[in-house]
């Protein structure tokens, strides 16, 4: 029985080391949960992180933006308390002059958006069974009014096809659509 145990141990050791000579890869190589490095501070926001967080550079990127600072994505994981992490990061960001614009939380997920000057930062928290995942997105803030108006299918810049030069309806005009069947009258929109 002892020879069998030594044989099994040798096979297990060879599998863990990867059997490089035989061309067999290590089954634990490239595991996203084992490739992180300890992170004491955020590389994008220059704020301290809760202890126990690990940075995964293969899941993020950093570059320099038009605003002159760093922007990109930072992926972090650790077995930390979600509520404590949210409060700790919020306090650190407020001390540096960031203003909280949106904070949403539902169950084990939370999203916060901060602004400082012409830079936005989005913090996405997800609590899983064993650990909390934190994604930090940092980039230049879009100017006010630059988002497209997706509700009417127009981008707010160009006039609608076959329409007037302005997307704002003129008082007294009526716009109709639908009503392809006689039993369903067309919908009407009236500017007041």
Protein backbone atom coordinates (compact mmCIF):
# COMPACT_ATOMS: atom_id res chain seq x y z
CA UNK A 1 0.00 0.00 0.00
CA UNK A 2 2.88 2.38 0.70
CA UNK A 3 4.22 2.01 -2.88
CA UNK A 4 0.78 2.96 -4.20
CA UNK A 5 0.70 6.09 -1.99
CA UNK A 6 4.19 7.11 -3.19
CA UNK A 7 3.10 6.57 -6.82
CA UNK A 8 -0.05 8.70 -6.38
CA UNK A 9 1.97 11.41 -4.63
CA UNK A 10 4.51 11.45 -7.49
CA UNK A 11 1.73 11.77 -10.09
CA UNK A 12 0.09 14.58 -8.13
CA UNK A 13 3.41 16.40 -7.80
CA UNK A 14 4.05 16.05 -11.54
CA UNK A 15 0.58 17.42 -12.36
CA UNK A 16 1.05 20.43 -10.08
CA UNK A 17 4.50 21.22 -11.51
CA UNK A 18 3.07 21.01 -15.01
CA UNK A 19 5.06 18.15 -16.48
CA UNK A 20 7.01 20.59 -18.63
CA UNK A 21 9.07 17.83 -20.23
CA UNK A 22 5.92 16.00 -21.33
CA UNK A 23 4.19 19.13 -22.65
CA UNK A 24 1.41 18.96 -20.04
CA UNK A 25 0.39 22.31 -18.57
CA UNK A 26 -0.14 23.02 -14.88
CA UNK A 27 -3.92 22.74 -14.30
CA UNK A 28 -3.76 25.65 -11.82
CA UNK A 29 -1.85 27.99 -14.19
CA UNK A 30 -3.80 31.09 -15.25
CA UNK A 31 -6.47 30.75 -12.58
CA UNK A 32 -7.94 34.27 -12.17
CA UNK A 33 -8.25 33.78 -8.42
CA UNK A 34 -4.54 33.05 -7.90
CA UNK A 35 -2.99 35.73 -10.13
CA UNK A 36 -3.64 38.85 -8.07
CA UNK A 37 -1.18 40.98 -6.15
CA UNK A 38 -1.80 42.71 -2.83
CA UNK A 39 -3.08 46.26 -3.28
CA UNK A 40 -2.90 48.85 -0.52
CA UNK A 41 -4.04 51.77 -2.70
CA UNK A 42 -5.96 52.31 -5.93
CA UNK A 43 -3.71 52.96 -8.91
CA UNK A 44 -6.34 55.14 -10.59
CA UNK A 45 -7.74 57.14 -7.67
CA UNK A 46 -4.75 57.27 -5.28
CA UNK A 47 -6.90 56.31 -2.29
CA UNK A 48 -6.29 53.57 0.29
CA UNK A 49 -8.15 50.31 -0.27
CA UNK A 50 -9.61 48.05 2.43
CA UNK A 51 -7.01 45.52 3.60
CA UNK A 52 -7.20 42.17 1.90
CA UNK A 53 -7.84 43.48 -1.61
CA UNK A 54 -5.86 42.07 -4.55
CA UNK A 55 -5.36 43.78 -7.92
CA UNK A 56 -5.76 41.77 -11.13
CA UNK A 57 -3.93 43.67 -13.90
CA UNK A 58 -5.02 41.14 -16.54
CA UNK A 59 -8.61 42.33 -16.01
CA UNK A 60 -7.96 46.08 -16.35
CA UNK A 61 -5.94 48.81 -18.05
CA UNK A 62 -4.52 52.26 -17.39
CA UNK A 63 -3.77 55.15 -19.71
CA UNK A 64 -3.47 58.92 -19.54
CA UNK A 65 -6.62 60.78 -20.54
CA UNK A 66 -7.28 64.14 -22.16
CA UNK A 67 -7.83 65.63 -18.68
CA UNK A 68 -4.15 64.99 -17.87
CA UNK A 69 -4.74 62.26 -15.29
CA UNK A 70 -4.94 58.50 -15.30
CA UNK A 71 -8.02 56.74 -16.62
CA UNK A 72 -9.00 53.16 -17.22
CA UNK A 73 -10.30 50.11 -15.34
CA UNK A 74 -8.97 48.60 -12.15
CA UNK A 75 -10.25 45.17 -11.02
CA UNK A 76 -9.88 44.21 -7.38
CA UNK A 77 -11.04 41.23 -5.30
CA UNK A 78 -10.93 40.37 -1.64
CA UNK A 79 -12.82 38.83 1.23
CA UNK A 80 -14.03 42.13 2.69
CA UNK A 81 -17.28 43.46 4.12
CA UNK A 82 -19.29 45.19 1.35
CA UNK A 83 -20.79 47.91 3.57
CA UNK A 84 -17.47 48.67 5.24
CA UNK A 85 -15.71 48.92 1.87
CA UNK A 86 -18.34 51.30 0.49
CA UNK A 87 -18.09 53.59 3.54
CA UNK A 88 -14.28 53.51 3.59
CA UNK A 89 -13.90 54.36 -0.10
CA UNK A 90 -16.60 57.06 0.11
CA UNK A 91 -14.79 58.79 3.00
CA UNK A 92 -11.46 58.65 1.15
CA UNK A 93 -12.95 60.06 -2.05
CA UNK A 94 -14.78 62.90 -0.29
CA UNK A 95 -11.53 63.88 1.48
CA UNK A 96 -9.91 64.25 -1.95
CA UNK A 97 -12.68 66.49 -3.27
CA UNK A 98 -14.79 63.95 -5.17
CA UNK A 99 -18.56 64.54 -5.11
CA UNK A 100 -20.97 61.62 -5.00
CA UNK A 101 -23.49 61.95 -7.85
CA UNK A 102 -25.29 58.59 -7.82
CA UNK A 103 -25.38 55.75 -5.31
CA UNK A 104 -27.47 52.64 -5.96
CA UNK A 105 -27.55 49.48 -3.87
CA UNK A 106 -29.63 46.36 -4.23
CA UNK A 107 -28.78 43.25 -2.25
CA UNK A 108 -25.18 42.23 -2.84
CA UNK A 109 -24.52 44.86 -5.54
CA UNK A 110 -23.74 48.55 -5.35
CA UNK A 111 -22.80 51.24 -7.87
CA UNK A 112 -21.49 54.70 -7.06
CA UNK A 113 -20.58 57.52 -9.47
CA UNK A 114 -18.32 60.36 -8.34
CA UNK A 115 -17.19 63.54 -10.13
CA UNK A 116 -14.30 65.90 -9.58
CA UNK A 117 -13.84 68.64 -12.14
CA UNK A 118 -13.90 67.07 -15.58
CA UNK A 119 -13.27 63.49 -14.34
CA UNK A 120 -15.82 60.80 -13.44
CA UNK A 121 -15.23 57.67 -11.39
CA UNK A 122 -17.59 54.69 -11.26
CA UNK A 123 -17.22 52.14 -8.46
CA UNK A 124 -19.00 48.83 -9.04
CA UNK A 125 -19.22 46.48 -6.02
CA UNK A 126 -20.40 42.85 -6.23
CA UNK A 127 -20.44 40.52 -3.23
CA UNK A 128 -20.04 36.86 -4.13
CA UNK A 129 -20.04 33.79 -1.92
CA UNK A 130 -16.42 34.08 -0.83
CA UNK A 131 -15.23 37.52 -1.91
CA UNK A 132 -16.17 41.02 -2.98
CA UNK A 133 -15.30 42.23 -6.48
CA UNK A 134 -14.62 45.93 -6.94
CA UNK A 135 -14.27 47.50 -10.39
CA UNK A 136 -13.10 51.10 -10.57
CA UNK A 137 -13.68 52.92 -13.87
CA UNK A 138 -12.14 56.38 -14.26
CA UNK A 139 -12.44 58.64 -17.31
CA UNK A 140 -13.17 62.11 -18.57
CA UNK A 141 -16.62 63.48 -17.82
CA UNK A 142 -18.87 64.13 -20.80
CA UNK A 143 -20.09 67.71 -21.16
CA UNK A 144 -23.63 68.44 -20.03
CA UNK A 145 -26.14 67.71 -22.78
CA UNK A 146 -23.78 65.44 -24.72
CA UNK A 147 -25.72 62.23 -24.16
CA UNK A 148 -28.05 61.21 -26.98
CA UNK A 149 -31.80 61.39 -26.50
CA UNK A 150 -32.50 57.69 -27.01
CA UNK A 151 -36.19 57.97 -26.22
CA UNK A 152 -37.06 59.45 -29.62
CA UNK A 153 -34.23 57.84 -31.62
CA UNK A 154 -32.45 61.13 -32.30
CA UNK A 155 -29.07 62.29 -31.09
CA UNK A 156 -30.16 65.81 -30.16
CA UNK A 157 -27.96 67.28 -32.90
CA UNK A 158 -29.57 66.40 -36.22
CA UNK A 159 -33.12 67.05 -37.36
CA UNK A 160 -35.37 64.02 -37.87
CA UNK A 161 -35.69 62.66 -41.39
CA UNK A 162 -38.27 64.63 -43.34
CA UNK A 163 -38.88 66.79 -40.28
CA UNK A 164 -38.23 70.34 -39.27
CA UNK A 165 -34.83 71.75 -38.39
CA UNK A 166 -35.67 71.69 -34.67
CA UNK A 167 -36.53 68.71 -32.49
CA UNK A 168 -38.65 70.97 -30.27
CA UNK A 169 -42.26 70.84 -31.52
CA UNK A 170 -43.90 74.11 -32.46
CA UNK A 171 -46.99 74.88 -30.34
CA UNK A 172 -50.18 73.92 -32.14
CA UNK A 173 -48.63 71.12 -34.23
CA UNK A 174 -49.78 67.51 -34.03
CA UNK A 175 -47.57 64.50 -34.68
CA UNK A 176 -49.23 61.13 -35.42
CA UNK A 177 -47.88 57.59 -35.64
CA UNK A 178 -49.28 54.08 -35.58
CA UNK A 179 -52.87 53.29 -36.41
CA UNK A 180 -52.14 50.80 -39.17
CA UNK A 181 -55.42 48.98 -38.51
CA UNK A 182 -58.89 50.56 -38.67
CA UNK A 183 -59.71 49.34 -35.14
CA UNK A 184 -56.66 51.14 -33.66
CA UNK A 185 -56.66 54.92 -34.13
CA UNK A 186 -53.23 56.60 -34.47
CA UNK A 187 -51.51 57.98 -31.41
CA UNK A 188 -51.19 61.75 -31.30
CA UNK A 189 -48.68 64.01 -29.58
CA UNK A 190 -49.56 67.67 -29.19
CA UNK A 191 -47.29 70.44 -28.09
CA UNK A 192 -48.97 72.66 -25.52
